[in-house]
Amino acid sequence: MSLIETKSGKLQLGTFRKAIIWGVIASLFAYLIGHLFYMQVYAPDRLIQEGNNRVVRHYSYEPPRGYIVDRNGKILALSIPVKEVNADPKKLHESGVYQDKAAMNQLASLLDIDIKVLYKKTKNPKKRFVNLKHYLDFDKASSVKAICPEGLILVDTYKRYYPTGKVNAPLVGILNGEGAGIYGVEQSFNSYLSSHAQLDKANKDRYNHIVENLGTVQKGNQGGNLILSVDQRLQDLAYQKLEEAVTSNEADSGCAVLVDVKTGEVLAMVTSPSFDPNDRTHFDSNNAKNRTITDTFEPGSTLKPIVALAALESKATSWNEVFDTRPFIVDGKTVRDSHAMQSGTLKDIIQYSSNTGMARLSMRIGPHKVLKMVENFGFGHKSGTYLVGESSGKLNANRSFWSKIDEATLGFGYGISVTTAQLASAYATLASGGYRRPISVLKTIKPQEGAQIVNHRQIKYMMNALETVVSEGTGGKAAIERYRVAGKTGTAKIAKSGGYSNEYVSTFAGFAPISDPRFALVVVISAPKAGQFYGGVVSGPVFRDVMSHALQIYNIKPDRQIENSQQ
């Protein structure tokens, strides 16, 4: 067989070689068809993945954090949509924007940042990402983007805004840079308020425009909304009056807590000094904490009604017993009164805040019975607000030895420490006839369950004694026209290392109206330096103004008749 056969002067392949060539071609086609079948039908995942890598993009949408409102729906905290501005320095350099002083000045002005800072952040032409501003208002977004569409990246985000400013700042709290709550309600209920981003996927074109939505990869949810128990009308007034008292008395700080006796709800919880949660320029963490639950102090004479009830419940005394209230010496130290009297009944001791009378009574029954009653009133335990950072106070109930002077001073509020919220809860318990329920900073659907801790009859007698404190005794500046008010003054030295300082905690605690108590209020002014330091003088006026406002707002019927002075 010849390699090449010639017919009519034409070259032709031999039959065998034709068969080989066609066989090779057929094999190649078979391989290609088989490979395409394998990739597209039998195992297409890799091709699909490669295609998706070029057109399918994931994008997330984060719903806003839940808002916080007062009991009447007034907004205390909400999340406002804004833009986060990031830059691609490489693109800024390549586009010439970095070299354009006018453009850079315009960008710095829109972002409200120093031009030197802007140049420093975008100096490196190899860098691909840098944050320029966390929160940019929507009305500036288009102007910023127009400066360099490829070099400036704007991302949707939220900014937390607090409409009531410093009035509610320590109670409501703030967010940190990652959007998590720090301080107050924001931190305490962070999980409930927080939102979770939804992750979606879509086909996008080269300009990042969505061509086709492909569904949700991970569902998100909006943060829960929180309704607080506070009434902003009372918050505003309480903060105003407290701030005025702290300033005029040149005090270090002040606290006030108003409780609805019927439900245990906190209607006002304010501290001074406070801070502006919308401006962190001069942020001071000391002013950010909620002092009503974090700071403790010795309650002084505001504890006397509870010590007296401990003695009455243990039948160690009665309302008819007459006590020797002259000064006396215990462990080499003299116990005396600021309002001296020779003798008096338990009612007189409460009315004129006799330290000597309460010291004798406390020594008679011993510290353990006193502390048992104090603990029943909620001291030594958190008040039930569920706010992060709340202190339980300190009772020293397990101390192995009590000196006679310690037993004596316990009778007028030394040797234990409490918070303003705890003291407000205790006086709400007195106001409710000895029925103790936890207090709440969240609006409740129905009153919280509690327990009767003191004989109701003894509480009635105590209410009458506390009324004389305001009508005839040391708490005259807390009196309210047309309302019967029960209250107790407290003036205790501030403890320091090795003893006590010459500064005082000035307190007034009480409730109204006595005929059917509705509100309990405690006002605490720490370290007044303007000359006055007695609780009735320093804190009494704040109590009067806030309590009278609460009674009027809630249309509480007056229970004290005013004699007609007309002829």
Protein backbone atom coordinates (compact mmCIF):
# COMPACT_ATOMS: atom_id res chain seq x y z
CA MET A 1 0.00 0.00 0.00
CA SER A 2 1.48 3.35 -1.01
CA LEU A 3 1.58 6.20 1.41
CA ILE A 4 0.01 8.60 -1.07
CA GLU A 5 -2.18 7.51 -3.93
CA THR A 6 -2.38 9.68 -7.05
CA LYS A 7 -5.49 9.76 -9.18
CA SER A 8 -6.00 12.26 -11.97
CA GLY A 9 -3.00 14.21 -10.67
CA LYS A 10 -4.44 14.75 -7.13
CA LEU A 11 -2.84 13.81 -3.84
CA GLN A 12 -4.95 11.63 -1.56
CA LEU A 13 -4.47 10.03 1.84
CA GLY A 14 -4.63 6.40 2.18
CA THR A 15 -7.69 4.75 3.63
CA PHE A 16 -5.88 3.74 6.79
CA ARG A 17 -4.61 7.22 7.45
CA LYS A 18 -8.08 8.64 6.89
CA ALA A 19 -9.42 6.27 9.46
CA ILE A 20 -6.78 7.35 11.99
CA ILE A 21 -7.44 11.06 11.42
CA TRP A 22 -11.21 10.69 11.69
CA GLY A 23 -10.76 8.59 14.75
CA VAL A 24 -8.66 11.29 16.42
CA ILE A 25 -11.21 13.97 15.51
CA ALA A 26 -14.07 11.84 16.78
CA SER A 27 -12.17 11.21 20.03
CA LEU A 28 -11.61 14.94 20.54
CA PHE A 29 -15.29 15.69 19.95
CA ALA A 30 -16.26 12.87 22.27
CA TYR A 31 -13.92 14.22 24.93
CA LEU A 32 -15.22 17.77 24.58
CA ILE A 33 -18.85 16.64 24.65
CA GLY A 34 -18.19 14.38 27.61
CA HIS A 35 -16.33 17.10 29.49
CA LEU A 36 -19.09 19.62 28.83
CA PHE A 37 -21.67 17.07 29.95
CA TYR A 38 -19.64 16.42 33.10
CA MET A 39 -19.28 20.10 33.94
CA GLN A 40 -22.76 21.26 33.06
CA VAL A 41 -24.95 18.28 33.89
CA TYR A 42 -23.18 15.83 36.17
CA ALA A 43 -21.05 18.20 38.27
CA PRO A 44 -21.98 21.85 37.55
CA ASP A 45 -21.24 23.21 41.06
CA ARG A 46 -17.80 24.59 40.25
CA LEU A 47 -19.02 26.53 37.21
CA ILE A 48 -21.99 27.84 39.12
CA GLN A 49 -19.69 28.94 41.94
CA GLU A 50 -17.36 30.69 39.51
CA GLY A 51 -20.29 32.48 37.92
CA ASN A 52 -21.75 33.49 41.24
CA ASN A 53 -18.41 34.85 42.34
CA ARG A 54 -18.68 37.33 39.50
CA VAL A 55 -22.31 38.46 39.80
CA VAL A 56 -23.84 37.29 43.11
CA ARG A 57 -23.31 39.60 46.05
CA HIS A 58 -24.46 39.47 49.68
CA TYR A 59 -25.72 42.65 51.27
CA SER A 60 -27.07 43.27 54.75
CA TYR A 61 -29.77 45.49 56.16
CA GLU A 62 -29.74 46.29 59.86
CA PRO A 63 -33.04 47.46 61.36
CA PRO A 64 -32.85 50.25 63.94
CA ARG A 65 -32.32 49.67 67.65
CA GLY A 66 -35.53 49.77 69.66
CA TYR A 67 -36.64 53.11 71.03
CA ILE A 68 -37.14 54.00 74.70
CA VAL A 69 -40.19 55.99 75.81
CA ASP A 70 -41.67 57.22 79.07
CA ARG A 71 -44.96 55.86 80.42
CA ASN A 72 -46.96 58.29 78.23
CA GLY A 73 -45.09 57.53 74.99
CA LYS A 74 -42.66 60.47 75.00
CA ILE A 75 -39.49 59.37 73.21
CA LEU A 76 -36.37 59.27 75.39
CA ALA A 77 -34.04 57.48 72.95
CA LEU A 78 -34.29 56.63 69.25
CA SER A 79 -32.02 55.67 66.34
CA ILE A 80 -31.77 58.14 63.44
CA PRO A 81 -30.61 56.94 59.96
CA VAL A 82 -27.26 58.48 59.01
CA LYS A 83 -24.27 57.64 56.79
CA GLU A 84 -20.86 56.35 57.78
CA VAL A 85 -18.13 57.81 55.56
CA ASN A 86 -15.09 55.71 54.62
CA ALA A 87 -12.38 56.49 52.06
CA ASP A 88 -10.18 54.60 49.60
CA PRO A 89 -6.94 56.66 49.70
CA LYS A 90 -5.61 54.94 46.56
CA LYS A 91 -8.62 56.13 44.56
CA LEU A 92 -8.39 59.62 46.06
CA HIS A 93 -4.80 59.89 44.86
CA GLU A 94 -5.48 58.37 41.43
CA SER A 95 -8.46 60.66 40.81
CA GLY A 96 -6.48 63.75 41.78
CA VAL A 97 -8.81 64.69 44.64
CA TYR A 98 -6.00 64.40 47.20
CA GLN A 99 -3.96 66.95 45.24
CA ASP A 100 -6.96 69.28 44.84
CA LYS A 101 -6.88 71.62 47.86
CA ALA A 102 -10.33 73.04 47.14
CA ALA A 103 -11.89 69.57 47.00
CA MET A 104 -10.15 68.47 50.19
CA ASN A 105 -11.22 71.64 52.02
CA GLN A 106 -14.79 71.10 50.88
CA LEU A 107 -14.69 67.49 52.08
CA ALA A 108 -13.26 68.49 55.47
CA SER A 109 -15.97 71.14 55.85
CA LEU A 110 -18.79 68.71 54.99
CA LEU A 111 -17.42 66.09 57.38
CA ASP A 112 -16.70 68.70 60.07
CA ILE A 113 -13.16 67.47 60.62
CA ASP A 114 -9.83 69.29 60.65
CA ILE A 115 -8.20 69.50 57.21
CA LYS A 116 -4.88 68.34 58.69
CA VAL A 117 -6.57 65.22 60.07
CA LEU A 118 -8.13 64.54 56.68
CA TYR A 119 -4.77 64.80 54.89
CA LYS A 120 -3.10 62.61 57.50
CA LYS A 121 -5.73 59.85 57.24
CA THR A 122 -5.60 59.72 53.42
CA LYS A 123 -1.85 60.31 53.00
CA ASN A 124 -0.85 56.73 52.08
CA PRO A 125 -1.67 56.12 48.35
CA LYS A 126 -1.41 52.34 48.84
CA LYS A 127 -4.02 52.19 51.56
CA ARG A 128 -7.47 50.98 50.48
CA PHE A 129 -9.65 51.79 53.50
CA VAL A 130 -9.87 54.43 56.23
CA ASN A 131 -12.81 55.70 58.28
CA LEU A 132 -13.43 59.43 58.03
CA LYS A 133 -16.68 59.93 59.96
CA HIS A 134 -19.02 57.62 61.85
CA TYR A 135 -22.17 59.72 61.60
CA LEU A 136 -23.00 62.01 58.67
CA ASP A 137 -26.41 63.59 58.23
CA PHE A 138 -28.32 62.50 55.13
CA ASP A 139 -28.55 66.05 53.74
CA LYS A 140 -24.76 66.13 53.29
CA ALA A 141 -24.36 62.64 51.85
CA SER A 142 -24.87 63.48 48.18
CA SER A 143 -22.46 66.43 48.37
CA VAL A 144 -19.77 64.23 49.94
CA LYS A 145 -20.24 61.44 47.39
CA ALA A 146 -20.01 63.91 44.49
CA ILE A 147 -16.46 64.93 45.45
CA CYS A 148 -15.06 61.50 44.56
CA PRO A 149 -17.63 58.77 43.74
CA GLU A 150 -15.04 55.98 43.62
CA GLY A 151 -12.83 57.14 46.49
CA LEU A 152 -15.54 57.85 49.08
CA ILE A 153 -17.72 55.02 50.38
CA LEU A 154 -20.95 55.86 52.21
CA VAL A 155 -22.59 53.15 54.31
CA ASP A 156 -26.05 53.19 55.91
CA THR A 157 -25.97 53.23 59.71
CA TYR A 158 -27.79 54.75 62.69
CA LYS A 159 -27.03 57.41 65.28
CA ARG A 160 -28.61 57.22 68.74
CA TYR A 161 -30.35 60.43 69.75
CA TYR A 162 -31.69 61.41 73.16
CA PRO A 163 -34.36 64.16 72.90
CA THR A 164 -34.50 64.89 76.65
CA GLY A 165 -30.74 65.36 76.96
CA LYS A 166 -29.19 65.47 80.41
CA VAL A 167 -32.49 65.16 82.28
CA ASN A 168 -32.62 61.41 81.66
CA ALA A 169 -29.00 60.69 80.74
CA PRO A 170 -27.92 58.70 83.85
CA LEU A 171 -31.16 56.70 83.83
CA VAL A 172 -31.37 55.99 80.07
CA GLY A 173 -27.63 55.63 79.43
CA ILE A 174 -25.74 55.78 76.12
CA LEU A 175 -24.17 53.53 73.46
CA ASN A 176 -20.50 52.85 72.82
CA GLY A 177 -18.76 53.00 69.43
CA GLU A 178 -19.93 49.48 68.54
CA GLY A 179 -23.59 50.33 69.19
CA ALA A 180 -23.88 48.44 72.48
CA GLY A 181 -25.44 49.99 75.56
CA ILE A 182 -23.26 51.36 78.32
CA TYR A 183 -24.76 52.82 81.50
CA GLY A 184 -28.42 52.91 82.48
CA VAL A 185 -31.32 51.31 80.66
CA GLU A 186 -29.36 51.06 77.40
CA GLN A 187 -26.90 48.68 79.07
CA SER A 188 -29.33 46.89 81.39
CA PHE A 189 -31.72 45.93 78.58
CA ASN A 190 -29.19 45.90 75.73
CA SER A 191 -30.14 42.45 74.42
CA TYR A 192 -33.81 43.36 74.18
CA LEU A 193 -33.16 46.74 72.52
CA SER A 194 -30.55 45.45 70.05
CA SER A 195 -31.47 44.70 66.44
CA HIS A 196 -30.00 41.92 64.28
CA ALA A 197 -29.04 42.50 60.65
CA GLN A 198 -30.79 40.67 57.80
CA LEU A 199 -28.48 39.14 55.16
CA ASP A 200 -29.80 39.00 51.58
CA LYS A 201 -28.22 37.98 48.27
CA ALA A 202 -28.76 39.30 44.75
CA ASN A 203 -27.31 39.40 41.25
CA LYS A 204 -25.55 42.72 40.74
CA ASP A 205 -24.01 44.39 37.71
CA ARG A 206 -20.55 45.91 37.44
CA TYR A 207 -21.86 49.13 39.01
CA ASN A 208 -23.12 47.25 42.06
CA HIS A 209 -26.75 47.75 41.05
CA ILE A 210 -29.18 44.98 41.99
CA VAL A 211 -30.37 43.11 38.89
CA GLU A 212 -32.22 40.29 40.60
CA ASN A 213 -33.00 39.53 44.25
CA LEU A 214 -32.17 35.93 45.13
CA GLY A 215 -33.73 35.80 48.59
CA THR A 216 -32.78 36.05 52.27
CA VAL A 217 -29.81 34.18 53.64
CA GLN A 218 -30.35 35.10 57.29
CA LYS A 219 -33.39 36.79 58.77
CA GLY A 220 -32.92 39.84 60.95
CA ASN A 221 -35.14 41.55 63.48
CA GLN A 222 -35.72 45.03 64.80
CA GLY A 223 -34.82 45.83 68.40
CA GLY A 224 -37.61 45.74 70.95
CA ASN A 225 -39.16 48.97 72.18
CA LEU A 226 -39.02 49.72 75.91
CA ILE A 227 -41.64 51.61 77.93
CA LEU A 228 -40.25 53.04 81.14
CA SER A 229 -42.33 53.76 84.21
CA VAL A 230 -41.08 57.34 84.53
CA ASP A 231 -43.32 60.29 83.73
CA GLN A 232 -41.30 62.84 81.77
CA ARG A 233 -43.35 65.70 83.19
CA LEU A 234 -42.15 64.75 86.67
CA GLN A 235 -38.65 63.94 85.45
CA ASP A 236 -38.26 67.46 84.06
CA LEU A 237 -39.41 69.16 87.24
CA ALA A 238 -37.49 66.83 89.57
CA TYR A 239 -34.27 67.39 87.65
CA GLN A 240 -34.77 71.15 87.57
CA LYS A 241 -35.44 71.42 91.31
CA LEU A 242 -32.66 69.01 92.22
CA GLU A 243 -30.12 70.84 90.05
CA GLU A 244 -31.13 74.16 91.62
CA ALA A 245 -30.68 72.72 95.12
CA VAL A 246 -27.27 71.22 94.31
CA THR A 247 -26.10 74.52 92.82
CA SER A 248 -27.50 76.85 95.51
CA ASN A 249 -26.16 74.65 98.33
CA GLU A 250 -22.79 74.20 96.60
CA ALA A 251 -23.19 70.44 96.99
CA ASP A 252 -21.21 67.65 95.36
CA SER A 253 -24.27 65.86 94.00
CA GLY A 254 -27.95 65.13 94.47
CA CYS A 255 -30.47 62.34 93.87
CA ALA A 256 -34.25 62.08 93.85
CA VAL A 257 -36.55 59.07 93.40
CA LEU A 258 -40.34 59.27 93.24
CA VAL A 259 -42.35 56.02 93.53
CA ASP A 260 -46.01 55.28 92.88
CA VAL A 261 -47.06 53.62 96.14
CA LYS A 262 -49.94 51.75 94.48
CA THR A 263 -47.84 49.99 91.83
CA GLY A 264 -44.17 50.22 92.82
CA GLU A 265 -43.39 52.08 89.58
CA VAL A 266 -40.65 54.72 89.60
CA LEU A 267 -42.17 57.94 88.27
CA ALA A 268 -39.02 60.03 88.55
CA MET A 269 -35.35 59.06 89.00
CA VAL A 270 -32.88 61.91 88.56
CA THR A 271 -29.33 62.80 89.55
CA SER A 272 -27.26 65.96 89.43
CA PRO A 273 -24.77 66.73 88.02
CA SER A 274 -25.65 64.98 84.78
CA PHE A 275 -24.20 65.06 81.23
CA ASP A 276 -25.30 65.67 77.66
CA PRO A 277 -25.66 62.26 75.95
CA ASN A 278 -25.73 63.91 72.51
CA ASP A 279 -22.36 65.59 72.98
CA ARG A 280 -19.45 63.49 74.26
CA THR A 281 -16.92 66.34 73.98
CA HIS A 282 -16.78 66.83 77.75
CA PHE A 283 -17.92 63.39 78.89
CA ASP A 284 -17.34 62.55 82.58
CA SER A 285 -18.01 58.95 83.60
CA ASN A 286 -18.74 60.05 87.19
CA ASN A 287 -21.76 61.99 85.94
CA ALA A 288 -22.87 59.14 83.67
CA LYS A 289 -23.59 56.70 86.48
CA ASN A 290 -27.04 56.59 88.02
CA ARG A 291 -26.22 57.70 91.56
CA THR A 292 -29.68 56.74 92.84
CA ILE A 293 -28.71 53.06 92.58
CA THR A 294 -24.89 53.11 92.69
CA ASP A 295 -23.97 55.54 95.48
CA THR A 296 -24.52 54.46 99.07
CA PHE A 297 -24.71 56.56 102.22
CA GLU A 298 -25.64 56.17 105.87
CA PRO A 299 -29.35 57.02 106.10
CA GLY A 300 -29.17 58.91 109.36
CA SER A 301 -32.47 59.85 110.97
CA THR A 302 -34.56 58.64 108.01
CA LEU A 303 -33.98 55.15 109.48
CA LYS A 304 -35.58 56.05 112.83
CA PRO A 305 -39.15 55.08 111.89
CA ILE A 306 -37.96 51.60 110.89
CA VAL A 307 -35.91 51.16 114.09
CA ALA A 308 -38.98 52.22 116.09
CA LEU A 309 -41.13 49.67 114.26
CA ALA A 310 -38.58 46.97 115.10
CA ALA A 311 -38.99 47.81 118.79
CA LEU A 312 -42.79 47.96 118.53
CA GLU A 313 -43.02 44.64 116.66
CA SER A 314 -40.83 42.94 119.30
CA LYS A 315 -43.04 44.51 122.03
CA ALA A 316 -40.00 46.16 123.60
CA THR A 317 -41.86 49.47 123.85
CA SER A 318 -45.20 51.14 123.18
CA TRP A 319 -46.41 54.49 121.93
CA ASN A 320 -47.20 55.50 125.52
CA GLU A 321 -43.75 54.94 127.03
CA VAL A 322 -41.87 58.10 128.05
CA PHE A 323 -38.14 58.04 127.32
CA ASP A 324 -35.31 59.94 128.93
CA THR A 325 -33.93 62.02 126.05
CA ARG A 326 -31.18 63.87 127.90
CA PRO A 327 -27.59 63.47 126.61
CA PHE A 328 -25.72 60.42 127.88
CA ILE A 329 -22.30 58.85 127.54
CA VAL A 330 -21.63 55.53 125.79
CA ASP A 331 -18.12 54.09 125.53
CA GLY A 332 -16.72 57.50 126.41
CA LYS A 333 -18.71 59.32 123.72
CA THR A 334 -21.66 61.63 124.26
CA VAL A 335 -24.96 61.03 122.48
CA ARG A 336 -26.92 64.26 122.20
CA ASP A 337 -29.70 65.91 120.19
CA SER A 338 -29.70 68.99 117.97
CA HIS A 339 -33.26 69.69 119.20
CA ALA A 340 -32.77 69.09 122.95
CA MET A 341 -35.62 67.95 125.19
CA GLN A 342 -35.71 66.29 128.60
CA SER A 343 -38.10 63.45 127.81
CA GLY A 344 -40.64 62.32 125.26
CA THR A 345 -42.80 59.54 123.90
CA LEU A 346 -41.96 57.63 120.76
CA LYS A 347 -44.05 60.11 118.78
CA ASP A 348 -42.02 63.02 120.24
CA ILE A 349 -38.77 61.21 119.43
CA ILE A 350 -39.83 60.84 115.78
CA GLN A 351 -41.23 64.36 115.56
CA TYR A 352 -38.15 66.10 116.91
CA SER A 353 -35.68 63.48 115.60
CA SER A 354 -34.20 62.63 119.00
CA ASN A 355 -30.93 60.72 118.71
CA THR A 356 -30.81 60.01 122.43
CA GLY A 357 -34.26 58.46 122.50
CA MET A 358 -33.56 56.25 119.47
CA ALA A 359 -30.14 55.27 120.83
CA ARG A 360 -31.70 54.05 124.09
CA LEU A 361 -34.33 52.11 122.15
CA SER A 362 -31.79 50.54 119.77
CA MET A 363 -29.57 49.45 122.66
CA ARG A 364 -32.59 47.94 124.38
CA ILE A 365 -33.57 45.60 121.55
CA GLY A 366 -30.08 44.98 120.16
CA PRO A 367 -28.70 45.31 116.63
CA HIS A 368 -29.95 41.98 115.30
CA LYS A 369 -33.64 42.84 115.75
CA VAL A 370 -33.02 46.24 114.22
CA LEU A 371 -31.22 44.77 111.23
CA LYS A 372 -33.88 42.11 110.76
CA MET A 373 -36.53 44.81 110.37
CA VAL A 374 -34.23 46.89 108.18
CA GLU A 375 -33.70 43.88 105.90
CA ASN A 376 -37.47 43.27 105.75
CA PHE A 377 -37.80 46.78 104.35
CA GLY A 378 -35.46 45.85 101.51
CA PHE A 379 -32.12 47.20 102.70
CA GLY A 380 -29.18 44.94 101.97
CA HIS A 381 -30.90 43.76 98.75
CA LYS A 382 -31.29 45.24 95.29
CA SER A 383 -34.50 47.18 94.90
CA GLY A 384 -35.86 45.30 91.85
CA THR A 385 -35.05 47.81 89.09
CA TYR A 386 -32.78 45.30 87.25
CA LEU A 387 -30.46 48.18 86.38
CA VAL A 388 -26.82 47.24 85.88
CA GLY A 389 -24.55 48.64 88.58
CA GLU A 390 -27.13 48.71 91.34
CA SER A 391 -25.64 48.37 94.81
CA SER A 392 -27.21 46.26 97.54
CA GLY A 393 -25.88 48.55 100.24
CA LYS A 394 -24.33 47.14 103.40
CA LEU A 395 -25.94 46.00 106.65
CA ASN A 396 -22.99 44.42 108.50
CA ALA A 397 -25.47 41.86 109.81
CA ASN A 398 -22.81 39.15 110.21
CA ARG A 399 -20.35 41.17 112.25
CA SER A 400 -19.29 39.19 115.33
CA PHE A 401 -19.06 42.08 117.78
CA TRP A 402 -21.11 45.20 118.34
CA SER A 403 -19.81 47.81 120.75
CA LYS A 404 -22.32 49.76 122.84
CA ILE A 405 -21.66 52.93 120.85
CA ASP A 406 -22.31 51.05 117.60
CA GLU A 407 -25.59 49.73 119.01
CA ALA A 408 -26.53 53.26 120.02
CA THR A 409 -25.68 54.98 116.73
CA LEU A 410 -27.48 52.26 114.73
CA GLY A 411 -30.65 53.69 116.27
CA PHE A 412 -30.22 56.91 114.33
CA GLY A 413 -28.97 55.52 111.04
CA TYR A 414 -25.23 54.98 111.33
CA GLY A 415 -23.37 51.73 110.69
CA ILE A 416 -25.28 50.67 107.57
CA SER A 417 -25.29 52.02 104.01
CA VAL A 418 -28.22 52.32 101.59
CA THR A 419 -29.03 53.74 98.16
CA THR A 420 -31.57 56.44 97.35
CA ALA A 421 -33.67 53.87 95.47
CA GLN A 422 -33.70 51.53 98.49
CA LEU A 423 -34.77 54.34 100.81
CA ALA A 424 -37.54 55.36 98.39
CA SER A 425 -38.72 51.74 98.30
CA ALA A 426 -38.72 51.60 102.12
CA TYR A 427 -40.85 54.74 102.41
CA ALA A 428 -43.20 53.42 99.75
CA THR A 429 -43.58 50.38 102.01
CA LEU A 430 -44.42 52.65 104.96
CA ALA A 431 -46.91 54.53 102.77
CA SER A 432 -48.63 51.31 101.67
CA GLY A 433 -49.32 50.27 105.25
CA GLY A 434 -46.35 47.94 105.57
CA TYR A 435 -46.94 46.08 102.29
CA ARG A 436 -43.59 45.80 100.51
CA ARG A 437 -43.28 45.32 96.76
CA PRO A 438 -40.20 45.73 94.55
CA ILE A 439 -39.91 48.98 92.64
CA SER A 440 -39.69 49.02 88.84
CA VAL A 441 -38.29 51.37 86.19
CA LEU A 442 -40.45 49.63 83.56
CA LYS A 443 -44.12 50.41 83.15
CA THR A 444 -46.17 47.60 84.66
CA ILE A 445 -49.51 46.24 83.49
CA LYS A 446 -50.59 45.50 87.05
CA PRO A 447 -49.07 46.18 90.48
CA GLN A 448 -46.20 43.89 91.38
CA GLU A 449 -46.80 41.26 94.03
CA GLY A 450 -45.40 41.90 97.50
CA ALA A 451 -45.78 40.91 101.13
CA GLN A 452 -47.02 42.44 104.38
CA ILE A 453 -43.94 42.91 106.58
CA VAL A 454 -45.22 45.07 109.46
CA ASN A 455 -48.42 45.24 111.50
CA HIS A 456 -50.77 47.60 109.68
CA ARG A 457 -51.97 49.16 112.95
CA GLN A 458 -48.45 50.15 113.98
CA ILE A 459 -47.92 51.73 110.57
CA LYS A 460 -50.98 53.92 111.07
CA TYR A 461 -49.54 55.25 114.33
CA MET A 462 -46.20 55.80 112.60
CA MET A 463 -47.89 57.79 109.81
CA ASN A 464 -49.37 60.12 112.42
CA ALA A 465 -45.95 60.57 114.01
CA LEU A 466 -44.34 61.29 110.63
CA GLU A 467 -47.07 63.82 109.87
CA THR A 468 -46.04 65.84 112.94
CA VAL A 469 -42.47 65.96 111.58
CA VAL A 470 -43.78 68.09 108.71
CA SER A 471 -46.56 69.96 110.49
CA GLU A 472 -44.73 70.73 113.77
CA GLY A 473 -41.21 69.28 113.71
CA THR A 474 -37.97 69.41 111.72
CA GLY A 475 -39.55 68.98 108.27
CA GLY A 476 -41.62 72.14 108.01
CA LYS A 477 -40.15 73.16 104.64
CA ALA A 478 -41.63 70.01 103.07
CA ALA A 479 -45.22 70.99 103.92
CA ILE A 480 -47.70 71.20 101.02
CA GLU A 481 -50.78 73.37 101.10
CA ARG A 482 -54.05 71.40 101.39
CA TYR A 483 -52.29 68.02 101.67
CA ARG A 484 -51.31 66.00 104.72
CA VAL A 485 -47.66 64.98 104.32
CA ALA A 486 -45.65 62.38 106.25
CA GLY A 487 -41.90 62.65 106.21
CA LYS A 488 -38.59 62.37 107.99
CA THR A 489 -35.46 64.46 107.85
CA GLY A 490 -31.99 62.95 107.84
CA THR A 491 -28.62 64.59 108.40
CA ALA A 492 -25.69 62.18 108.56
CA LYS A 493 -21.96 62.82 108.48
CA ILE A 494 -20.11 61.37 105.50
CA ALA A 495 -17.79 58.51 106.41
CA LYS A 496 -14.13 58.69 105.45
CA SER A 497 -11.12 56.52 106.12
CA GLY A 498 -10.65 56.26 109.89
CA GLY A 499 -13.82 58.13 110.88
CA TYR A 500 -16.16 60.84 109.65
CA SER A 501 -15.61 64.05 107.71
CA ASN A 502 -17.15 67.43 108.48
CA GLU A 503 -19.47 67.10 105.47
CA TYR A 504 -23.03 65.80 105.55
CA VAL A 505 -25.60 63.91 103.53
CA SER A 506 -28.86 65.89 103.77
CA THR A 507 -31.97 63.80 103.20
CA PHE A 508 -35.72 64.14 103.24
CA ALA A 509 -37.96 61.10 102.78
CA GLY A 510 -41.73 61.04 102.87
CA PHE A 511 -45.07 60.38 101.22
CA ALA A 512 -48.47 61.96 100.58
CA PRO A 513 -51.37 62.28 100.99
CA ILE A 514 -51.64 60.51 104.35
CA SER A 515 -55.36 59.74 104.01
CA ASP A 516 -54.62 57.53 100.99
CA PRO A 517 -50.86 57.60 100.18
CA ARG A 518 -50.09 57.71 96.47
CA PHE A 519 -46.47 58.87 96.13
CA ALA A 520 -43.27 58.30 98.10
CA LEU A 521 -40.29 60.57 97.44
CA VAL A 522 -36.70 60.66 98.68
CA VAL A 523 -34.34 63.58 98.06
CA VAL A 524 -30.64 63.28 98.92
CA ILE A 525 -28.14 66.16 98.69
CA SER A 526 -24.51 65.15 99.25
CA ALA A 527 -21.98 67.47 100.91
CA PRO A 528 -23.71 70.89 100.84
CA LYS A 529 -21.14 73.64 101.54
CA ALA A 530 -23.14 76.88 101.40
CA GLY A 531 -23.82 76.97 105.15
CA GLN A 532 -27.00 74.88 105.55
CA PHE A 533 -26.76 71.11 105.95
CA TYR A 534 -29.87 69.90 107.80
CA GLY A 535 -32.00 67.58 105.67
CA GLY A 536 -35.21 69.47 106.33
CA VAL A 537 -33.72 72.76 105.15
CA VAL A 538 -31.63 71.52 102.20
CA SER A 539 -33.75 68.67 100.77
CA GLY A 540 -37.19 69.54 102.17
CA PRO A 541 -37.97 72.27 99.59
CA VAL A 542 -37.14 69.94 96.70
CA PHE A 543 -39.48 67.34 98.20
CA ARG A 544 -42.25 69.94 98.51
CA ASP A 545 -41.97 71.20 94.94
CA VAL A 546 -41.76 67.77 93.30
CA MET A 547 -44.42 66.12 95.46
CA SER A 548 -46.91 68.98 95.04
CA HIS A 549 -46.41 68.85 91.27
CA ALA A 550 -47.02 65.08 91.24
CA LEU A 551 -50.20 65.45 93.28
CA GLN A 552 -51.52 68.09 90.90
CA ILE A 553 -50.61 66.26 87.68
CA TYR A 554 -52.33 63.09 88.84
CA ASN A 555 -55.30 65.04 90.20
CA ILE A 556 -55.00 63.63 93.72
CA LYS A 557 -57.75 64.91 96.00
CA PRO A 558 -56.53 67.19 98.82
CA ASP A 559 -57.01 65.76 102.32
CA ARG A 560 -56.31 68.77 104.52
CA GLN A 561 -58.84 71.52 105.03
CA ILE A 562 -57.70 75.14 105.09
CA GLU A 563 -59.53 77.35 107.58
CA ASN A 564 -61.44 80.17 105.96
CA SER A 565 -59.68 83.37 107.00
CA GLN A 566 -62.35 85.71 105.59
CA GLN A 567 -64.33 87.79 108.11
